Amino acid sequence: LDFDSILFTKTRRLIIISFILFEIFAQIFLTKNLFELRVELKKYINPLILKIKIIFVAIIFFVTSTAFAILAFGDPSTAFKHILEWNYFAFLLIYYLLSRLLWIMR
């Protein structure tokens, strides 16, 4: 099995990009629904954390759009790609930490 094949590389890149896009869209839609239902969920959620999640999702969307534009139209260095690859997924995990902090413990 040749792991350096063009098909394998393209497929791997497609899977990673799909994961990132679906992850971001899921975060956006969940946060939007929580914001719309904030009045009904008022006694269960922390409104400050909800606002932080909204800001976080906006930042993630902006960073993702910028990174995709740089990758698509620019010629980024290998260091940029490695930084993006390793830190991006760790940064996305902060959303789950915010989700845990969102729900008030009673």
C-alpha atoms as a PDB file:
ATOM      1  CA  LEU A   1       0.000   0.000   0.000  1.00  0.00           C
ATOM      2  CA  ASP A   2       1.515   3.277  -1.107  1.00  0.00           C
ATOM      3  CA  PHE A   3       0.658   5.951   1.479  1.00  0.00           C
ATOM      4  CA  ASP A   4       2.213   8.680  -0.621  1.00  0.00           C
ATOM      5  CA  SER A   5      -0.273   8.285  -3.434  1.00  0.00           C
ATOM      6  CA  ILE A   6      -2.066  11.339  -4.750  1.00  0.00           C
ATOM      7  CA  LEU A   7      -5.494   9.765  -4.174  1.00  0.00           C
ATOM      8  CA  PHE A   8      -4.703   9.059  -0.522  1.00  0.00           C
ATOM      9  CA  THR A   9      -3.419  12.611  -0.001  1.00  0.00           C
ATOM     10  CA  LYS A  10      -6.475  14.178  -1.632  1.00  0.00           C
ATOM     11  CA  THR A  11      -8.867  11.941   0.304  1.00  0.00           C
ATOM     12  CA  ARG A  12      -7.152  12.708   3.607  1.00  0.00           C
ATOM     13  CA  ARG A  13      -7.269  16.444   2.888  1.00  0.00           C
ATOM     14  CA  LEU A  14     -10.976  16.217   1.975  1.00  0.00           C
ATOM     15  CA  ILE A  15     -11.776  14.366   5.202  1.00  0.00           C
ATOM     16  CA  ILE A  16      -9.907  16.904   7.345  1.00  0.00           C
ATOM     17  CA  ILE A  17     -11.536  19.882   5.624  1.00  0.00           C
ATOM     18  CA  SER A  18     -14.982  18.260   5.890  1.00  0.00           C
ATOM     19  CA  PHE A  19     -14.428  17.613   9.595  1.00  0.00           C
ATOM     20  CA  ILE A  20     -13.433  21.226  10.224  1.00  0.00           C
ATOM     21  CA  LEU A  21     -16.374  22.641   8.283  1.00  0.00           C
ATOM     22  CA  PHE A  22     -18.955  20.337   9.867  1.00  0.00           C
ATOM     23  CA  GLU A  23     -17.515  21.011  13.324  1.00  0.00           C
ATOM     24  CA  ILE A  24     -17.782  24.757  12.854  1.00  0.00           C
ATOM     25  CA  PHE A  25     -21.291  24.610  11.389  1.00  0.00           C
ATOM     26  CA  ALA A  26     -22.398  22.382  14.298  1.00  0.00           C
ATOM     27  CA  GLN A  27     -20.984  24.893  16.773  1.00  0.00           C
ATOM     28  CA  ILE A  28     -22.669  27.787  15.015  1.00  0.00           C
ATOM     29  CA  PHE A  29     -26.076  26.086  14.846  1.00  0.00           C
ATOM     30  CA  LEU A  30     -25.966  24.848  18.450  1.00  0.00           C
ATOM     31  CA  THR A  31     -24.928  28.236  19.788  1.00  0.00           C
ATOM     32  CA  LYS A  32     -27.604  29.936  17.668  1.00  0.00           C
ATOM     33  CA  ASN A  33     -30.277  27.598  19.050  1.00  0.00           C
ATOM     34  CA  LEU A  34     -29.086  28.121  22.615  1.00  0.00           C
ATOM     35  CA  PHE A  35     -29.212  31.870  22.084  1.00  0.00           C
ATOM     36  CA  GLU A  36     -32.736  31.695  20.683  1.00  0.00           C
ATOM     37  CA  LEU A  37     -33.883  29.552  23.620  1.00  0.00           C
ATOM     38  CA  ARG A  38     -31.981  31.503  26.273  1.00  0.00           C
ATOM     39  CA  VAL A  39     -35.171  32.816  27.909  1.00  0.00           C
ATOM     40  CA  GLU A  40     -36.600  29.318  28.388  1.00  0.00           C
ATOM     41  CA  LEU A  41     -33.214  27.970  29.517  1.00  0.00           C
ATOM     42  CA  LYS A  42     -32.501  30.936  31.764  1.00  0.00           C
ATOM     43  CA  LYS A  43     -32.554  28.936  35.004  1.00  0.00           C
ATOM     44  CA  TYR A  44     -30.313  26.201  33.565  1.00  0.00           C
ATOM     45  CA  ILE A  45     -27.559  28.083  31.745  1.00  0.00           C
ATOM     46  CA  ASN A  46     -25.036  30.722  32.611  1.00  0.00           C
ATOM     47  CA  PRO A  47     -25.740  33.737  30.334  1.00  0.00           C
ATOM     48  CA  LEU A  48     -22.144  34.980  30.571  1.00  0.00           C
ATOM     49  CA  ILE A  49     -20.786  31.699  29.227  1.00  0.00           C
ATOM     50  CA  LEU A  50     -23.349  31.816  26.419  1.00  0.00           C
ATOM     51  CA  LYS A  51     -22.053  35.236  25.406  1.00  0.00           C
ATOM     52  CA  ILE A  52     -18.485  33.922  25.552  1.00  0.00           C
ATOM     53  CA  LYS A  53     -19.513  30.995  23.330  1.00  0.00           C
ATOM     54  CA  ILE A  54     -21.025  33.391  20.791  1.00  0.00           C
ATOM     55  CA  ILE A  55     -17.825  35.433  20.684  1.00  0.00           C
ATOM     56  CA  PHE A  56     -15.734  32.256  20.497  1.00  0.00           C
ATOM     57  CA  VAL A  57     -17.753  30.892  17.565  1.00  0.00           C
ATOM     58  CA  ALA A  58     -17.441  34.224  15.740  1.00  0.00           C
ATOM     59  CA  ILE A  59     -13.662  34.194  16.252  1.00  0.00           C
ATOM     60  CA  ILE A  60     -13.404  30.576  15.095  1.00  0.00           C
ATOM     61  CA  PHE A  61     -15.438  31.355  11.983  1.00  0.00           C
ATOM     62  CA  PHE A  62     -13.243  34.360  11.156  1.00  0.00           C
ATOM     63  CA  VAL A  63      -9.989  32.451  11.773  1.00  0.00           C
ATOM     64  CA  THR A  64     -11.200  29.498   9.707  1.00  0.00           C
ATOM     65  CA  SER A  65     -12.241  31.700   6.807  1.00  0.00           C
ATOM     66  CA  THR A  66      -8.916  33.521   6.904  1.00  0.00           C
ATOM     67  CA  ALA A  67      -6.898  30.302   7.150  1.00  0.00           C
ATOM     68  CA  PHE A  68      -8.781  28.708   4.244  1.00  0.00           C
ATOM     69  CA  ALA A  69      -8.233  31.840   2.153  1.00  0.00           C
ATOM     70  CA  ILE A  70      -4.508  31.788   2.917  1.00  0.00           C
ATOM     71  CA  LEU A  71      -4.277  28.084   2.126  1.00  0.00           C
ATOM     72  CA  ALA A  72      -6.295  28.413  -1.078  1.00  0.00           C
ATOM     73  CA  PHE A  73      -4.884  31.602  -2.544  1.00  0.00           C
ATOM     74  CA  GLY A  74      -1.549  32.083  -0.844  1.00  0.00           C
ATOM     75  CA  ASP A  75       1.624  30.122  -0.566  1.00  0.00           C
ATOM     76  CA  PRO A  76       1.907  29.463   3.177  1.00  0.00           C
ATOM     77  CA  SER A  77       5.068  28.119   4.694  1.00  0.00           C
ATOM     78  CA  THR A  78       5.319  24.637   6.112  1.00  0.00           C
ATOM     79  CA  ALA A  79       5.573  26.151   9.590  1.00  0.00           C
ATOM     80  CA  PHE A  80       2.211  27.906   9.085  1.00  0.00           C
ATOM     81  CA  LYS A  81       0.602  24.637   8.028  1.00  0.00           C
ATOM     82  CA  HIS A  82       2.007  22.762  11.026  1.00  0.00           C
ATOM     83  CA  ILE A  83       0.946  25.472  13.476  1.00  0.00           C
ATOM     84  CA  LEU A  84      -2.511  25.516  11.960  1.00  0.00           C
ATOM     85  CA  GLU A  85      -2.803  21.739  11.962  1.00  0.00           C
ATOM     86  CA  TRP A  86      -1.707  21.109  15.549  1.00  0.00           C
ATOM     87  CA  ASN A  87      -3.201  24.099  17.307  1.00  0.00           C
ATOM     88  CA  TYR A  88      -6.473  24.358  15.431  1.00  0.00           C
ATOM     89  CA  PHE A  89      -7.981  21.123  16.724  1.00  0.00           C
ATOM     90  CA  ALA A  90      -6.880  21.913  20.278  1.00  0.00           C
ATOM     91  CA  PHE A  91      -8.512  25.335  19.956  1.00  0.00           C
ATOM     92  CA  LEU A  92     -11.768  23.757  18.775  1.00  0.00           C
ATOM     93  CA  LEU A  93     -11.873  21.670  21.953  1.00  0.00           C
ATOM     94  CA  ILE A  94     -12.285  24.858  23.998  1.00  0.00           C
ATOM     95  CA  TYR A  95     -15.848  24.953  22.686  1.00  0.00           C
ATOM     96  CA  TYR A  96     -16.608  21.741  24.575  1.00  0.00           C
ATOM     97  CA  LEU A  97     -15.130  23.178  27.750  1.00  0.00           C
ATOM     98  CA  LEU A  98     -17.396  26.202  27.350  1.00  0.00           C
ATOM     99  CA  SER A  99     -20.348  23.850  26.818  1.00  0.00           C
ATOM    100  CA  ARG A 100     -19.597  22.165  30.128  1.00  0.00           C
ATOM    101  CA  LEU A 101     -19.318  25.523  31.893  1.00  0.00           C
ATOM    102  CA  LEU A 102     -22.534  26.740  30.301  1.00  0.00           C
ATOM    103  CA  TRP A 103     -24.807  24.494  32.307  1.00  0.00           C
ATOM    104  CA  ILE A 104     -25.208  25.715  35.879  1.00  0.00           C
ATOM    105  CA  MET A 105     -24.703  23.084  38.503  1.00  0.00           C
ATOM    106  CA  ARG A 106     -27.456  23.052  41.112  1.00  0.00           C
END
